[in-house]
N, C-alpha and C. Protein backbone atom coordinates (compact mmCIF):
# COMPACT_ATOMS: atom_id res chain seq x y z
N MET A 1 7.22 -6.91 55.98
CA MET A 1 8.47 -6.47 55.24
C MET A 1 8.09 -6.91 53.79
N SER A 2 8.18 -5.94 52.96
CA SER A 2 7.86 -6.35 51.59
C SER A 2 9.15 -6.45 50.81
N VAL A 3 9.06 -7.38 49.84
CA VAL A 3 10.14 -7.67 48.98
C VAL A 3 10.04 -6.99 47.72
N GLN A 4 11.02 -6.15 47.15
CA GLN A 4 10.97 -5.29 46.00
C GLN A 4 11.27 -6.29 44.83
N PRO A 5 10.50 -6.17 43.82
CA PRO A 5 10.74 -7.05 42.64
C PRO A 5 12.09 -6.69 42.08
N GLU A 6 12.79 -7.75 41.67
CA GLU A 6 14.06 -7.51 41.10
C GLU A 6 14.10 -6.90 39.79
N GLU A 7 14.75 -5.93 39.36
CA GLU A 7 14.87 -5.32 38.09
C GLU A 7 15.54 -6.32 37.18
N ARG A 8 14.75 -6.38 36.02
CA ARG A 8 15.31 -7.28 35.07
C ARG A 8 15.31 -6.60 33.82
N LYS A 9 16.29 -6.98 32.97
CA LYS A 9 16.41 -6.38 31.58
C LYS A 9 15.91 -7.49 30.61
N SER A 10 15.25 -6.97 29.57
CA SER A 10 14.82 -7.97 28.55
C SER A 10 16.03 -8.49 27.84
N VAL A 11 15.99 -9.71 27.46
CA VAL A 11 16.98 -10.40 26.79
C VAL A 11 17.20 -9.77 25.36
N ASP A 12 16.26 -9.08 24.92
CA ASP A 12 16.37 -8.46 23.56
C ASP A 12 16.99 -6.96 23.65
N GLU A 13 17.13 -6.48 24.83
CA GLU A 13 17.69 -5.16 24.86
C GLU A 13 19.29 -5.22 24.70
N PRO A 14 19.74 -4.71 23.72
CA PRO A 14 21.20 -4.64 23.40
C PRO A 14 21.90 -3.73 24.46
N GLU A 15 23.16 -4.00 24.83
CA GLU A 15 23.89 -3.18 25.58
C GLU A 15 25.29 -3.01 25.03
N ASP A 16 25.99 -1.83 25.52
CA ASP A 16 27.32 -1.53 24.92
C ASP A 16 28.26 -2.41 25.96
N ARG A 17 29.47 -2.12 25.72
CA ARG A 17 30.51 -2.86 26.53
C ARG A 17 30.33 -2.49 28.07
N ARG A 18 29.94 -1.42 28.40
CA ARG A 18 29.73 -1.02 29.79
C ARG A 18 28.58 -1.57 30.41
N GLY A 19 27.51 -2.07 29.59
CA GLY A 19 26.35 -2.56 30.06
C GLY A 19 25.16 -1.58 29.98
N ALA A 20 25.49 -0.48 29.34
CA ALA A 20 24.57 0.63 29.10
C ALA A 20 23.55 0.14 27.95
N PRO A 21 22.25 0.51 28.01
CA PRO A 21 21.41 0.22 26.93
C PRO A 21 21.85 0.93 25.59
N VAL A 22 21.62 0.27 24.50
CA VAL A 22 22.02 0.82 23.26
C VAL A 22 20.76 1.05 22.52
N THR A 23 20.61 2.31 22.04
CA THR A 23 19.38 2.72 21.27
C THR A 23 19.60 2.00 19.82
N THR A 24 18.66 1.32 19.40
CA THR A 24 18.57 0.67 18.06
C THR A 24 17.52 1.22 17.31
N ALA A 25 17.57 1.15 15.93
CA ALA A 25 16.53 1.66 15.22
C ALA A 25 15.43 0.49 15.08
N PRO A 26 14.24 0.92 14.88
CA PRO A 26 13.10 -0.07 14.88
C PRO A 26 13.29 -1.10 13.79
N THR A 27 12.95 -2.28 14.00
CA THR A 27 13.07 -3.30 12.82
C THR A 27 12.02 -2.82 11.66
N PRO A 28 12.48 -2.70 10.54
CA PRO A 28 11.72 -2.33 9.29
C PRO A 28 10.79 -3.35 9.04
N SER A 29 9.72 -3.10 8.46
CA SER A 29 8.78 -4.01 7.84
C SER A 29 9.06 -4.31 6.49
N PRO A 30 8.80 -5.42 6.01
CA PRO A 30 9.09 -5.61 4.44
C PRO A 30 8.63 -4.64 3.51
N GLY A 31 7.57 -3.94 3.79
CA GLY A 31 7.06 -2.94 2.96
C GLY A 31 7.86 -1.59 2.88
N ASP A 32 8.78 -1.39 3.88
CA ASP A 32 9.52 -0.24 3.91
C ASP A 32 10.59 -0.14 2.94
N PHE A 33 10.99 -1.30 2.13
CA PHE A 33 12.02 -1.31 1.16
C PHE A 33 11.59 -1.63 -0.26
N ALA A 34 12.36 -1.14 -1.15
CA ALA A 34 12.02 -1.47 -2.68
C ALA A 34 12.37 -3.11 -2.55
N PRO A 35 11.74 -3.73 -3.51
CA PRO A 35 12.07 -5.13 -3.78
C PRO A 35 13.42 -5.41 -4.28
N LEU A 36 14.01 -6.54 -3.76
CA LEU A 36 15.29 -6.83 -4.17
C LEU A 36 15.52 -7.04 -5.69
N PHE A 37 14.40 -7.65 -6.16
CA PHE A 37 14.23 -7.84 -7.62
C PHE A 37 13.05 -7.06 -8.10
N ALA A 38 13.23 -6.05 -8.93
CA ALA A 38 12.26 -5.20 -9.34
C ALA A 38 11.81 -5.45 -10.69
N GLY A 39 10.76 -5.02 -11.26
CA GLY A 39 10.30 -4.92 -12.71
C GLY A 39 10.35 -6.41 -13.19
N GLN A 40 10.83 -6.52 -14.46
CA GLN A 40 10.64 -7.77 -15.21
C GLN A 40 11.44 -8.84 -14.57
N GLU A 41 12.61 -8.49 -14.05
CA GLU A 41 13.47 -9.59 -13.25
C GLU A 41 12.61 -10.24 -12.16
N GLY A 42 11.87 -9.33 -11.43
CA GLY A 42 11.12 -9.99 -10.28
C GLY A 42 9.87 -10.54 -10.78
N ASN A 43 9.31 -10.19 -11.74
CA ASN A 43 8.09 -10.94 -12.36
C ASN A 43 8.59 -12.20 -12.98
N ARG A 44 9.73 -12.26 -13.57
CA ARG A 44 10.13 -13.55 -14.17
C ARG A 44 10.45 -14.56 -13.03
N PHE A 45 11.09 -13.95 -12.00
CA PHE A 45 11.46 -14.91 -10.76
C PHE A 45 10.01 -15.52 -10.30
N ARG A 46 9.21 -14.62 -10.08
CA ARG A 46 7.87 -14.87 -9.31
C ARG A 46 7.10 -15.97 -10.40
N GLY A 47 7.03 -15.83 -11.82
CA GLY A 47 6.42 -16.60 -12.63
C GLY A 47 7.02 -18.01 -12.58
N ARG A 48 8.22 -18.11 -12.55
CA ARG A 48 8.95 -19.37 -12.44
C ARG A 48 8.49 -20.05 -11.18
N TRP A 49 8.46 -19.40 -10.02
CA TRP A 49 8.15 -19.89 -8.79
C TRP A 49 6.76 -20.42 -8.80
N GLU A 50 5.69 -19.64 -9.50
CA GLU A 50 4.37 -20.12 -9.62
C GLU A 50 4.20 -21.34 -10.41
N SER A 51 5.05 -21.46 -11.48
CA SER A 51 5.19 -22.61 -12.30
C SER A 51 5.57 -23.84 -11.38
N ILE A 52 6.61 -23.73 -10.61
CA ILE A 52 7.13 -24.73 -9.87
C ILE A 52 6.18 -25.22 -8.84
N GLN A 53 5.47 -24.35 -8.14
CA GLN A 53 4.34 -24.79 -7.27
C GLN A 53 3.25 -25.49 -7.94
N VAL A 54 2.83 -25.11 -9.05
CA VAL A 54 1.83 -25.81 -9.86
C VAL A 54 2.37 -27.32 -10.25
N GLY A 55 3.65 -27.28 -10.58
CA GLY A 55 4.17 -28.60 -11.00
C GLY A 55 4.36 -29.65 -9.82
N PHE A 56 4.21 -29.01 -8.50
CA PHE A 56 4.32 -29.90 -7.32
C PHE A 56 3.50 -31.05 -7.26
N VAL A 57 2.23 -30.69 -7.78
CA VAL A 57 1.07 -31.78 -7.69
C VAL A 57 1.58 -33.04 -8.34
N ASP A 58 2.04 -32.76 -9.71
CA ASP A 58 2.36 -33.96 -10.48
C ASP A 58 3.74 -34.52 -10.30
N GLU A 59 4.77 -33.74 -9.94
CA GLU A 59 6.13 -34.20 -9.80
C GLU A 59 6.71 -33.42 -8.55
N PRO A 60 6.40 -33.90 -7.27
CA PRO A 60 6.94 -33.15 -6.14
C PRO A 60 8.38 -33.08 -6.10
N ARG A 61 9.03 -34.14 -6.41
CA ARG A 61 10.58 -34.18 -6.24
C ARG A 61 11.19 -33.17 -7.32
N ARG A 62 10.74 -33.26 -8.55
CA ARG A 62 11.16 -32.22 -9.42
C ARG A 62 11.01 -30.86 -9.14
N ALA A 63 9.71 -30.56 -8.65
CA ALA A 63 9.48 -29.17 -8.04
C ALA A 63 10.53 -28.76 -6.96
N VAL A 64 10.85 -29.63 -6.12
CA VAL A 64 11.76 -29.17 -5.01
C VAL A 64 13.17 -28.99 -5.72
N GLU A 65 13.60 -29.82 -6.66
CA GLU A 65 14.79 -29.65 -7.26
C GLU A 65 14.87 -28.24 -8.15
N GLU A 66 13.70 -27.99 -8.63
CA GLU A 66 13.62 -26.67 -9.51
C GLU A 66 13.64 -25.53 -8.42
N ALA A 67 12.94 -25.60 -7.37
CA ALA A 67 12.97 -24.71 -6.40
C ALA A 67 14.28 -24.19 -5.84
N GLU A 68 15.09 -25.34 -5.62
CA GLU A 68 16.50 -25.12 -5.21
C GLU A 68 17.26 -24.45 -6.16
N HIS A 69 17.06 -24.80 -7.39
CA HIS A 69 17.89 -24.18 -8.59
C HIS A 69 17.57 -22.83 -8.71
N LEU A 70 16.18 -22.35 -8.68
CA LEU A 70 15.71 -20.99 -8.65
C LEU A 70 16.18 -20.24 -7.48
N VAL A 71 16.23 -20.63 -6.21
CA VAL A 71 16.74 -20.01 -5.14
C VAL A 71 18.21 -19.74 -5.39
N GLY A 72 18.97 -20.63 -5.76
CA GLY A 72 20.35 -20.64 -6.06
C GLY A 72 20.56 -19.56 -7.11
N GLU A 73 19.79 -19.45 -8.16
CA GLU A 73 19.91 -18.39 -9.21
C GLU A 73 19.80 -17.14 -8.60
N MET A 74 18.67 -16.99 -7.82
CA MET A 74 18.51 -15.68 -7.11
C MET A 74 19.46 -15.22 -6.18
N MET A 75 20.08 -16.03 -5.59
CA MET A 75 21.24 -15.79 -4.63
C MET A 75 22.37 -15.14 -5.44
N LYS A 76 22.58 -15.95 -6.57
CA LYS A 76 23.74 -15.55 -7.47
C LYS A 76 23.48 -14.05 -7.92
N ARG A 77 22.20 -13.79 -8.31
CA ARG A 77 21.91 -12.56 -8.88
C ARG A 77 22.04 -11.38 -7.79
N LEU A 78 21.61 -11.72 -6.45
CA LEU A 78 21.98 -10.79 -5.50
C LEU A 78 23.45 -10.56 -5.33
N GLN A 79 24.23 -11.41 -5.30
CA GLN A 79 25.71 -11.44 -5.19
C GLN A 79 26.18 -10.62 -6.54
N GLU A 80 25.69 -10.75 -7.58
CA GLU A 80 26.17 -9.88 -8.82
C GLU A 80 25.69 -8.40 -8.67
N THR A 81 24.46 -8.24 -7.97
CA THR A 81 24.06 -6.96 -7.74
C THR A 81 24.93 -6.06 -6.67
N LEU A 82 25.35 -6.83 -5.72
CA LEU A 82 26.36 -6.41 -4.65
C LEU A 82 27.58 -6.08 -5.20
N ALA A 83 28.16 -6.92 -6.08
CA ALA A 83 29.43 -6.76 -6.81
C ALA A 83 29.44 -5.51 -7.64
N GLU A 84 28.29 -5.24 -8.37
CA GLU A 84 28.10 -4.06 -9.25
C GLU A 84 28.23 -2.89 -8.37
N GLU A 85 27.66 -2.89 -7.20
CA GLU A 85 27.68 -1.72 -6.38
C GLU A 85 29.10 -1.38 -5.96
N ARG A 86 29.72 -2.30 -5.63
CA ARG A 86 31.12 -2.29 -4.96
C ARG A 86 32.00 -1.84 -6.09
N SER A 87 31.78 -2.31 -7.36
CA SER A 87 32.80 -2.01 -8.48
C SER A 87 32.68 -0.59 -8.88
N GLY A 88 31.54 0.06 -8.71
CA GLY A 88 31.40 1.46 -8.98
C GLY A 88 32.46 2.28 -8.15
N PHE A 89 32.56 2.13 -6.99
CA PHE A 89 33.50 2.81 -6.17
C PHE A 89 34.98 2.42 -6.49
N GLU A 90 35.12 1.04 -6.61
CA GLU A 90 36.48 0.55 -6.92
C GLU A 90 37.11 1.19 -8.26
N ARG A 91 36.15 1.27 -9.22
CA ARG A 91 36.79 1.91 -10.58
C ARG A 91 37.16 3.29 -10.23
N ARG A 92 36.29 4.01 -9.52
CA ARG A 92 36.83 5.49 -9.15
C ARG A 92 38.12 5.43 -8.56
N TRP A 93 38.21 4.62 -7.49
CA TRP A 93 39.43 4.63 -6.76
C TRP A 93 40.61 4.26 -7.50
N GLN A 94 40.43 3.23 -8.28
CA GLN A 94 41.51 2.77 -9.23
C GLN A 94 42.05 3.89 -10.14
N ARG A 95 41.09 4.68 -10.75
CA ARG A 95 41.54 5.73 -11.57
C ARG A 95 42.14 6.91 -10.88
N GLY A 96 42.15 6.84 -9.59
CA GLY A 96 42.62 7.98 -8.81
C GLY A 96 41.76 9.03 -8.47
N GLU A 97 40.49 8.89 -8.87
CA GLU A 97 39.46 9.91 -8.69
C GLU A 97 39.29 10.05 -7.06
N ASP A 98 39.16 11.22 -6.82
CA ASP A 98 38.65 11.49 -5.25
C ASP A 98 37.07 11.19 -5.13
N VAL A 99 36.87 10.42 -4.19
CA VAL A 99 35.49 9.92 -3.98
C VAL A 99 35.04 10.87 -2.69
N SER A 100 34.05 11.64 -2.80
CA SER A 100 33.68 12.56 -1.81
C SER A 100 32.94 11.85 -0.58
N THR A 101 33.10 12.53 0.58
CA THR A 101 32.30 11.95 1.57
C THR A 101 30.88 11.71 1.37
N GLU A 102 30.38 12.67 0.55
CA GLU A 102 28.85 12.48 0.27
C GLU A 102 28.55 11.27 -0.61
N ASP A 103 29.45 10.91 -1.54
CA ASP A 103 29.39 9.82 -2.40
C ASP A 103 29.49 8.47 -1.47
N LEU A 104 30.49 8.60 -0.52
CA LEU A 104 30.61 7.47 0.38
C LEU A 104 29.38 7.29 1.24
N ARG A 105 28.81 8.38 1.72
CA ARG A 105 27.62 8.34 2.52
C ARG A 105 26.46 7.66 1.82
N GLN A 106 26.38 8.10 0.51
CA GLN A 106 25.20 7.60 -0.35
C GLN A 106 25.44 6.05 -0.52
N GLY A 107 26.79 5.64 -0.72
CA GLY A 107 27.05 4.28 -0.98
C GLY A 107 26.79 3.44 0.37
N LEU A 108 26.95 4.14 1.57
CA LEU A 108 26.84 3.39 2.77
C LEU A 108 25.31 3.24 2.94
N ARG A 109 24.49 4.24 2.52
CA ARG A 109 23.03 4.15 2.55
C ARG A 109 22.44 3.14 1.83
N ARG A 110 23.04 2.94 0.54
CA ARG A 110 22.45 1.82 -0.38
C ARG A 110 22.89 0.51 0.14
N TYR A 111 24.08 0.33 0.76
CA TYR A 111 24.40 -0.88 1.52
C TYR A 111 23.44 -1.18 2.64
N ARG A 112 23.27 -0.14 3.39
CA ARG A 112 22.40 -0.38 4.55
C ARG A 112 20.92 -0.75 4.01
N ALA A 113 20.52 -0.17 3.08
CA ALA A 113 19.12 -0.47 2.51
C ALA A 113 19.19 -2.00 2.09
N PHE A 114 20.20 -2.40 1.43
CA PHE A 114 20.35 -3.70 0.91
C PHE A 114 20.42 -4.81 2.14
N PHE A 115 21.23 -4.49 3.02
CA PHE A 115 21.32 -5.12 4.36
C PHE A 115 20.03 -5.27 5.03
N ASP A 116 19.33 -4.21 5.19
CA ASP A 116 17.99 -4.27 5.96
C ASP A 116 17.06 -5.17 5.20
N ARG A 117 17.06 -4.99 3.88
CA ARG A 117 16.09 -5.84 3.03
C ARG A 117 16.44 -7.32 3.25
N LEU A 118 17.75 -7.70 3.27
CA LEU A 118 18.05 -9.13 3.46
C LEU A 118 17.60 -9.46 4.76
N LEU A 119 17.58 -8.65 5.81
CA LEU A 119 17.40 -9.08 7.08
C LEU A 119 15.67 -9.36 7.36
N THR A 120 15.03 -8.82 6.42
CA THR A 120 13.51 -8.92 6.37
C THR A 120 13.09 -10.29 5.60
N VAL A 121 14.06 -10.87 5.01
CA VAL A 121 13.67 -12.00 4.14
C VAL A 121 13.46 -13.10 5.06
């Protein structure tokens, strides 16, 4: 008598409420998205980071403090970017303008891209 192997689901396979498999989009690679900080702003942050790394040799404690400050500054800038995106829709709604479904779709796409980029960090 042969014993059939038990069917097992991967822990990573998401399911809906009924236990049915849910199709998910493949996890994007970091190269699939535009950088969160582009152009001069990104170069400025990168330059500051390189300076912090070089300074670690002579003053490790100070380098860590500067790194914490820089990361905090970058997080604040990300929050500002998100607020700017949101305020564009809010201004139109407050003026009583009709926001089309296409405008909202584009907004949702931008939020999704932002969300996906954050998940790749």
